Protein backbone atom coordinates (compact mmCIF):
# COMPACT_ATOMS: atom_id res chain seq x y z
CA UNK A 1 -78.06 1.77 -59.71
CA UNK A 2 -77.20 1.79 -55.88
CA UNK A 3 -74.39 3.48 -54.75
CA UNK A 4 -72.73 2.12 -51.48
CA UNK A 5 -70.94 4.16 -48.86
CA UNK A 6 -67.28 2.97 -48.20
CA UNK A 7 -65.44 3.88 -45.05
CA UNK A 8 -62.37 5.61 -45.55
CA UNK A 9 -60.81 3.50 -42.69
CA UNK A 10 -60.88 0.54 -45.08
CA UNK A 11 -57.96 2.15 -47.23
CA UNK A 12 -55.96 3.32 -44.27
CA UNK A 13 -53.50 0.46 -44.63
CA UNK A 14 -52.85 1.12 -48.14
CA UNK A 15 -52.43 4.75 -47.68
CA UNK A 16 -49.73 4.11 -45.09
CA UNK A 17 -47.89 1.65 -47.38
CA UNK A 18 -47.68 4.32 -50.29
CA UNK A 19 -46.32 6.83 -47.63
CA UNK A 20 -43.51 4.46 -46.49
CA UNK A 21 -42.71 3.48 -50.23
CA UNK A 22 -42.40 7.51 -51.09
CA UNK A 23 -40.18 8.19 -47.80
CA UNK A 24 -37.77 5.26 -48.92
CA UNK A 25 -37.41 6.66 -52.26
CA UNK A 26 -36.83 10.07 -51.13
CA UNK A 27 -34.03 8.91 -48.70
CA UNK A 28 -32.56 6.70 -51.76
CA UNK A 29 -32.50 9.23 -54.20
CA UNK A 30 -31.22 11.95 -51.57
CA UNK A 31 -28.15 9.62 -50.74
CA UNK A 32 -27.50 9.07 -54.65
CA UNK A 33 -27.41 12.81 -55.15
CA UNK A 34 -24.87 13.47 -52.33
CA UNK A 35 -22.75 10.72 -53.62
CA UNK A 36 -22.61 12.38 -57.04
CA UNK A 37 -21.80 15.94 -55.32
CA UNK A 38 -18.91 14.04 -53.67
CA UNK A 39 -17.72 11.60 -56.05
CA UNK A 40 -16.57 7.98 -55.99
CA UNK A 41 -14.80 7.34 -52.95
CA UNK A 42 -16.11 10.32 -51.25
CA UNK A 43 -14.12 12.98 -53.30
CA UNK A 44 -14.08 16.24 -51.73
CA UNK A 45 -12.55 18.50 -54.64
CA UNK A 46 -11.03 18.69 -57.89
CA UNK A 47 -7.66 20.60 -58.31
CA UNK A 48 -5.78 21.42 -61.47
CA UNK A 49 -2.01 20.90 -61.27
CA UNK A 50 -0.57 24.20 -62.01
CA UNK A 51 2.95 25.87 -62.05
CA UNK A 52 3.70 28.62 -59.62
CA UNK A 53 5.84 29.68 -56.65
CA UNK A 54 5.94 28.03 -53.43
CA UNK A 55 7.39 29.63 -50.48
CA UNK A 56 8.30 27.97 -47.14
CA UNK A 57 8.22 30.79 -44.49
CA UNK A 58 7.65 31.24 -40.53
CA UNK A 59 5.89 34.23 -39.01
CA UNK A 60 6.11 35.38 -35.15
CA UNK A 61 4.77 38.09 -33.19
CA UNK A 62 6.86 40.76 -31.71
CA UNK A 63 7.41 44.36 -30.79
CA UNK A 64 9.81 47.12 -31.61
CA UNK A 65 12.68 48.08 -28.97
CA UNK A 66 15.52 50.61 -28.88
CA UNK A 67 18.73 48.58 -29.18
CA UNK A 68 20.71 51.02 -27.13
CA UNK A 69 18.98 51.81 -23.69
CA UNK A 70 20.34 53.28 -20.55
CA UNK A 71 18.31 53.32 -17.39
CA UNK A 72 18.60 56.49 -14.87
CA UNK A 73 18.09 55.35 -11.49
CA UNK A 74 17.91 56.99 -8.17
CA UNK A 75 21.24 56.75 -6.27
CA UNK A 76 19.66 57.75 -2.92
CA UNK A 77 16.05 58.12 -1.56
CA UNK A 78 14.66 61.40 -3.24
CA UNK A 79 11.82 63.72 -3.68
CA UNK A 80 10.72 64.45 -7.40
CA UNK A 81 10.32 68.19 -7.60
CA UNK A 82 9.48 68.60 -11.35
CA UNK A 83 9.94 66.37 -14.47
CA UNK A 84 11.04 68.60 -17.45
CA UNK A 85 10.85 66.06 -20.34
CA UNK A 86 8.11 63.75 -21.77
CA UNK A 87 8.13 60.27 -23.35
CA UNK A 88 9.93 60.43 -26.80
CA UNK A 89 11.58 63.72 -26.12
CA UNK A 90 14.96 64.23 -27.53
CA UNK A 91 17.67 65.38 -24.92
CA UNK A 92 21.21 66.38 -25.40
CA UNK A 93 24.37 65.27 -22.99
CA UNK A 94 24.31 67.23 -19.94
CA UNK A 95 20.56 68.47 -20.23
CA UNK A 96 18.68 68.79 -17.17
CA UNK A 97 15.43 66.28 -17.23
CA UNK A 98 14.49 65.93 -13.53
CA UNK A 99 14.40 68.44 -10.46
CA UNK A 100 14.65 66.90 -7.15
CA UNK A 101 14.80 68.22 -3.31
CA UNK A 102 17.96 66.25 -2.50
CA UNK A 103 19.39 62.99 -2.59
CA UNK A 104 19.90 62.29 1.00
CA UNK A 105 18.01 62.47 3.87
CA UNK A 106 19.15 64.21 7.29
CA UNK A 107 19.66 61.12 9.17
CA UNK A 108 21.82 59.36 6.83
CA UNK A 109 23.92 62.50 6.54
CA UNK A 110 24.19 63.02 10.25
CA UNK A 111 25.25 59.33 10.39
CA UNK A 112 27.80 59.99 8.11
CA UNK A 113 28.96 63.02 9.90
CA UNK A 114 28.94 61.20 13.40
CA UNK A 115 31.06 58.53 12.05
CA UNK A 116 33.73 60.94 10.67
CA UNK A 117 33.94 62.87 14.06
CA UNK A 118 34.38 59.68 15.94
CA UNK A 119 36.98 58.40 13.82
CA UNK A 120 38.82 61.76 14.21
CA UNK A 121 38.64 61.54 17.98
CA UNK A 122 39.87 57.87 17.98
CA UNK A 123 42.76 59.11 15.76
CA UNK A 124 43.72 61.75 17.86
CA UNK A 125 43.90 59.40 20.80
CA UNK A 126 45.64 56.79 18.98
CA UNK A 127 48.22 59.37 17.64
CA UNK A 128 49.17 60.60 21.04
CA UNK A 129 49.85 56.91 22.58
CA UNK A 130 51.77 56.06 19.04
CA UNK A 131 54.07 59.11 19.44
CA UNK A 132 54.94 58.16 22.99
CA UNK A 133 55.54 54.55 21.83
CA UNK A 134 57.78 56.06 19.01
CA UNK A 135 59.87 57.99 21.94
CA UNK A 136 60.08 54.93 24.15
CA UNK A 137 61.39 52.92 21.14
CA UNK A 138 64.40 55.32 20.64
CA UNK A 139 65.10 55.29 24.48
CA UNK A 140 65.08 51.50 24.62
CA UNK A 141 67.32 51.26 21.63
CA UNK A 142 69.93 53.68 23.44
CA UNK A 143 69.79 51.71 26.55
CA UNK A 144 70.13 48.47 24.84
CA UNK A 145 73.15 50.00 22.72
CA UNK A 146 74.88 50.78 26.07
CA UNK A 147 74.08 47.28 27.53
CA UNK A 148 72.16 48.90 30.49
CA UNK A 149 68.98 46.97 29.58
CA UNK A 150 68.60 43.52 27.81
CA UNK A 151 68.42 43.42 23.95
CA UNK A 152 65.01 41.55 24.03
CA UNK A 153 63.21 44.67 26.07
CA UNK A 154 64.21 46.71 22.94
CA UNK A 155 62.82 44.04 20.54
CA UNK A 156 59.65 43.62 22.37
CA UNK A 157 58.83 47.29 22.24
CA UNK A 158 60.22 47.70 18.65
CA UNK A 159 57.44 44.78 17.95
CA UNK A 160 54.76 46.80 19.39
CA UNK A 161 55.70 49.59 17.49
CA UNK A 162 55.55 47.81 14.17
CA UNK A 163 52.08 46.62 15.01
CA UNK A 164 50.79 49.94 15.92
CA UNK A 165 52.35 51.44 12.74
CA UNK A 166 50.22 48.97 10.69
CA UNK A 167 47.26 49.96 12.85
CA UNK A 168 48.06 53.54 11.96
CA UNK A 169 48.01 52.99 8.31
CA UNK A 170 44.44 51.23 8.56
CA UNK A 171 42.98 53.98 10.55
CA UNK A 172 44.17 56.59 7.93
CA UNK A 173 42.61 54.62 5.04
CA UNK A 174 39.46 54.32 7.17
CA UNK A 175 39.51 58.13 7.78
CA UNK A 176 40.20 58.91 4.06
CA UNK A 177 37.01 56.85 3.02
CA UNK A 178 34.84 58.46 5.47
CA UNK A 179 35.85 61.96 4.27
CA UNK A 180 35.38 60.95 0.80
CA UNK A 181 31.81 59.80 1.60
CA UNK A 182 30.98 62.65 3.64
CA UNK A 183 32.21 65.04 0.86
CA UNK A 184 30.08 63.02 -1.71
CA UNK A 185 27.28 63.28 0.63
CA UNK A 186 27.44 67.20 0.84
CA UNK A 187 27.55 67.46 -2.94
CA UNK A 188 24.28 64.97 -3.40
CA UNK A 189 22.54 66.77 -0.67
CA UNK A 190 23.04 69.88 -2.48
CA UNK A 191 22.22 68.46 -6.06
CA UNK A 192 18.84 69.57 -7.24
CA UNK A 193 18.81 68.01 -10.67
CA UNK A 194 19.22 65.01 -12.61
CA UNK A 195 20.81 65.19 -16.17
CA UNK A 196 21.20 63.24 -19.17
CA UNK A 197 24.57 61.41 -19.53
CA UNK A 198 24.32 61.15 -23.29
CA UNK A 199 22.14 62.39 -26.39
CA UNK A 200 19.02 60.25 -27.05
CA UNK A 201 15.33 59.68 -26.53
CA UNK A 202 13.46 59.58 -23.63
CA UNK A 203 11.99 56.03 -24.30
CA UNK A 204 10.23 55.61 -20.89
CA UNK A 205 9.28 57.94 -18.05
CA UNK A 206 8.68 55.61 -15.09
CA UNK A 207 8.15 58.35 -12.41
CA UNK A 208 4.94 60.39 -12.67
CA UNK A 209 4.97 64.19 -12.85
CA UNK A 210 3.72 65.25 -9.41
CA UNK A 211 5.38 67.12 -6.77
CA UNK A 212 6.88 65.39 -3.87
CA UNK A 213 6.88 61.78 -5.29
CA UNK A 214 9.18 59.73 -3.00
CA UNK A 215 11.69 57.62 -4.97
CA UNK A 216 13.52 54.76 -3.40
CA UNK A 217 17.20 53.88 -3.75
CA UNK A 218 17.94 51.89 -7.02
CA UNK A 219 14.29 52.96 -8.48
CA UNK A 220 14.24 53.47 -12.36
CA UNK A 221 13.45 57.10 -13.24
CA UNK A 222 13.65 57.09 -17.05
CA UNK A 223 15.19 55.19 -19.82
CA UNK A 224 17.37 57.03 -22.50
CA UNK A 225 17.85 55.33 -26.10
CA UNK A 226 19.64 55.85 -29.17
CA UNK A 227 16.78 57.06 -31.36
CA UNK A 228 18.75 56.06 -34.59
CA UNK A 229 18.75 52.30 -33.46
CA UNK A 230 15.39 50.79 -33.35
CA UNK A 231 15.13 46.82 -33.54
CA UNK A 232 12.22 44.18 -33.72
CA UNK A 233 12.34 41.51 -31.01
CA UNK A 234 10.73 38.52 -31.04
CA UNK A 235 10.74 34.91 -29.35
CA UNK A 236 11.19 31.94 -31.70
CA UNK A 237 11.12 28.07 -30.97
CA UNK A 238 13.94 26.01 -30.50
CA UNK A 239 12.91 23.98 -33.77
CA UNK A 240 13.53 26.88 -36.04
CA UNK A 241 16.73 28.36 -34.50
CA UNK A 242 18.99 25.91 -36.61
CA UNK A 243 17.35 27.41 -39.65
CA UNK A 244 18.30 30.97 -38.84
CA UNK A 245 21.50 32.97 -39.26
CA UNK A 246 22.75 36.49 -38.90
CA UNK A 247 22.17 38.57 -41.68
CA UNK A 248 18.89 36.45 -43.02
CA UNK A 249 16.56 38.73 -44.71
CA UNK A 250 13.08 39.24 -43.11
CA UNK A 251 9.92 41.53 -43.33
CA UNK A 252 8.25 43.19 -40.49
CA UNK A 253 4.63 44.25 -40.77
CA UNK A 254 3.74 46.49 -37.79
CA UNK A 255 0.06 46.86 -36.63
CA UNK A 256 0.21 50.64 -36.65
CA UNK A 257 1.98 50.96 -40.11
CA UNK A 258 0.40 48.90 -43.00
CA UNK A 259 3.66 49.01 -45.43
CA UNK A 260 6.16 45.90 -44.87
CA UNK A 261 9.35 47.07 -43.64
CA UNK A 262 12.55 45.23 -44.67
CA UNK A 263 14.70 43.89 -41.98
CA UNK A 264 17.46 41.44 -41.45
CA UNK A 265 18.49 39.32 -38.33
CA UNK A 266 21.26 40.76 -36.30
CA UNK A 267 21.14 38.84 -33.02
CA UNK A 268 20.25 35.15 -32.15
CA UNK A 269 20.26 34.11 -28.47
CA UNK A 270 21.86 30.63 -28.99
CA UNK A 271 21.60 29.93 -25.06
CA UNK A 272 17.90 29.67 -24.03
CA UNK A 273 16.98 31.68 -21.03
CA UNK A 274 15.08 30.13 -18.43
CA UNK A 275 12.85 33.42 -18.46
CA UNK A 276 11.87 32.63 -22.06
CA UNK A 277 11.09 28.94 -21.89
CA UNK A 278 7.17 28.11 -21.87
CA UNK A 279 4.71 25.20 -22.01
CA UNK A 280 3.50 24.75 -25.39
CA UNK A 281 0.41 23.21 -23.46
CA UNK A 282 0.65 23.20 -19.95
CA UNK A 283 0.85 19.49 -18.73
CA UNK A 284 -1.37 17.83 -16.38
CA UNK A 285 0.14 16.49 -13.06
CA UNK A 286 2.05 13.06 -13.81
CA UNK A 287 2.51 13.80 -17.50
CA UNK A 288 6.01 14.08 -19.29
CA UNK A 289 5.10 16.72 -21.72
CA UNK A 290 8.37 18.41 -22.96
CA UNK A 291 9.41 21.70 -22.32
CA UNK A 292 9.46 23.79 -25.23
CA UNK A 293 12.52 26.16 -25.29
CA UNK A 294 12.34 29.38 -26.95
CA UNK A 295 15.10 32.01 -27.82
CA UNK A 296 15.05 35.69 -28.33
CA UNK A 297 15.98 36.72 -32.12
CA UNK A 298 16.73 40.56 -32.89
CA UNK A 299 15.99 42.33 -36.14
CA UNK A 300 17.53 45.49 -37.35
CA UNK A 301 15.34 47.33 -39.92
CA UNK A 302 17.06 48.10 -43.37
CA UNK A 303 15.91 51.75 -43.19
CA UNK A 304 14.83 53.60 -40.17
CA UNK A 305 11.16 54.89 -40.76
CA UNK A 306 10.39 58.05 -38.68
CA UNK A 307 6.59 56.71 -38.06
CA UNK A 308 8.10 53.41 -36.13
CA UNK A 309 8.00 53.92 -32.28
CA UNK A 310 9.07 51.80 -29.55
CA UNK A 311 6.77 49.38 -28.23
CA UNK A 312 4.85 48.93 -31.68
CA UNK A 313 3.60 45.44 -32.04
CA UNK A 314 3.60 43.53 -35.30
CA UNK A 315 4.84 40.22 -37.13
CA UNK A 316 8.07 39.29 -38.71
CA UNK A 317 8.05 36.84 -41.73
CA UNK A 318 11.21 35.07 -42.56
CA UNK A 319 11.34 33.22 -45.83
CA UNK A 320 13.31 29.99 -45.42
CA UNK A 321 12.80 28.53 -49.00
CA UNK A 322 11.48 29.58 -52.15
CA UNK A 323 10.93 28.02 -55.69
CA UNK A 324 9.43 29.30 -58.73
CA UNK A 325 8.02 27.86 -61.84
CA UNK A 326 7.07 24.45 -60.02
CA UNK A 327 4.15 22.12 -60.10
CA UNK A 328 2.41 22.38 -56.81
CA UNK A 329 -0.77 20.72 -55.50
CA UNK A 330 -2.59 21.20 -52.10
CA UNK A 331 -1.63 18.93 -49.21
CA UNK A 332 -5.15 17.33 -48.85
CA UNK A 333 -4.67 15.28 -52.37
CA UNK A 334 -1.65 13.29 -51.15
CA UNK A 335 -2.07 9.62 -50.11
CA UNK A 336 0.54 7.70 -48.12
CA UNK A 337 0.87 3.98 -49.05
CA UNK A 338 3.70 2.09 -47.56
CA UNK A 339 5.84 5.20 -46.92
CA UNK A 340 5.41 6.22 -50.57
CA UNK A 341 3.45 9.22 -51.66
CA UNK A 342 0.41 8.80 -54.21
CA UNK A 343 -2.33 11.00 -55.51
CA UNK A 344 -5.57 10.44 -57.37
CA UNK A 345 -5.41 11.70 -61.13
CA UNK A 346 -8.20 11.68 -63.55
CA UNK A 347 -6.99 9.55 -66.60
CA UNK A 348 -7.76 12.02 -69.65
CA UNK A 349 -8.63 9.13 -71.98
CA UNK A 350 -11.12 7.16 -69.95
CA UNK A 351 -11.91 10.02 -67.35
CA UNK A 352 -11.65 7.69 -64.60
CA UNK A 353 -9.64 8.15 -61.46
CA UNK A 354 -6.36 6.27 -60.86
CA UNK A 355 -3.63 6.25 -58.35
CA UNK A 356 -0.12 7.58 -59.26
CA UNK A 357 3.06 7.73 -57.40
CA UNK A 358 4.90 10.99 -57.22
CA UNK A 359 7.97 12.50 -55.91
CA UNK A 360 7.58 15.75 -53.71
CA UNK A 361 9.82 18.69 -52.85
CA UNK A 362 9.34 21.45 -50.31
CA UNK A 363 6.13 22.17 -48.79
CA UNK A 364 4.48 24.77 -46.47
CA UNK A 365 1.13 24.56 -44.49
CA UNK A 366 -1.24 24.13 -47.46
CA UNK A 367 0.74 23.09 -50.69
CA UNK A 368 3.45 20.73 -51.63
CA UNK A 369 6.03 20.90 -54.49
CA UNK A 370 5.59 17.67 -57.12
CA UNK A 371 9.14 17.02 -58.67
CA UNK A 372 8.01 14.07 -60.90
CA UNK A 373 4.80 12.17 -61.58
CA UNK A 374 2.42 14.92 -62.38
CA UNK A 375 2.15 17.08 -65.54
CA UNK A 376 0.63 20.53 -65.72
CA UNK A 377 -3.01 20.84 -66.33
CA UNK A 378 -4.06 17.36 -65.12
CA UNK A 379 -6.60 16.83 -62.71
CA UNK A 380 -6.24 15.63 -59.15
CA UNK A 381 -8.94 14.52 -56.65
CA UNK A 382 -8.68 15.09 -53.07
CA UNK A 383 -10.76 12.08 -51.40
CA UNK A 384 -12.43 11.92 -47.95
CA UNK A 385 -12.10 8.22 -48.02
CA UNK A 386 -9.43 6.02 -46.41
CA UNK A 387 -6.02 6.21 -47.85
């Protein structure tokens, strides 16, 4: 028997054909397996209709503030000598909180002193003329009564006297004001301390604890607040303001305190402040993106917690609506057809999917209440295909 040598290249086309058939089969079965996982119509999931609680709520970021705050400012340019309190120190009414060198510089004091002296010199000169004018009026009146001079000469000097009397009153008022300013300046120049006007907590020390720190007129030195009146403030969009009302209950959760704190609304700014307005998304030039108005809302804690501090940040949660023992389904199962709501339900008898019209109630960001059209325990499909 002869054995013939067969070249492997002779079977190359046959091998390539087998490989192509194998690849096609793998692709076909892989697609079929994917469809089985997704279900008919691109099903994304199966959900069982259950009874439970659905809550419609909103949450906003904010921070703790003192409700009653009073600023202490520099009445004149001063130099800080020593600060006797710290942030969050409790102070009594009349307690010394800051020591200063003076409230008034020498140039300003000298200017007031010079003004007072000039006004006094002018008044002395004016009074000499005024007293002489008063004597002249008496003389002219006597001469006019005896008809030695015309009566009009007397009337002329009398009018001049009346005008001078008005000027005298003006100068007296000006001198009194200058004297008061100078006296106040002397007191303030000798003042070496700033005291607290009322009982409270130092919620903010603006000036630094360093000697000879210069402070300009009107600059804030510190803030004293009522330690018993902490509130939570946040900014809420215009679309929610109509749902809020004074006294509405809320829950505040602070970053530094894990336990939620009960609170209620005590203030709603119903007039949007331009400082609180913001763009939801900054628009490009030439677009007509509407401006989203935002409002300040304040919440009072139902009970004061000693661990709460001003400027603590957190979130407030407001429940607008809540229902218990209702059937709910995820929002992703809904289908909108001709302005009506449908869901895909598994028929218990045939185990096949079927569309069913339902009536819905309240909803939140993830689920919705089904008022009618669905029973507890029924299986609902969420489809990834077109509605």
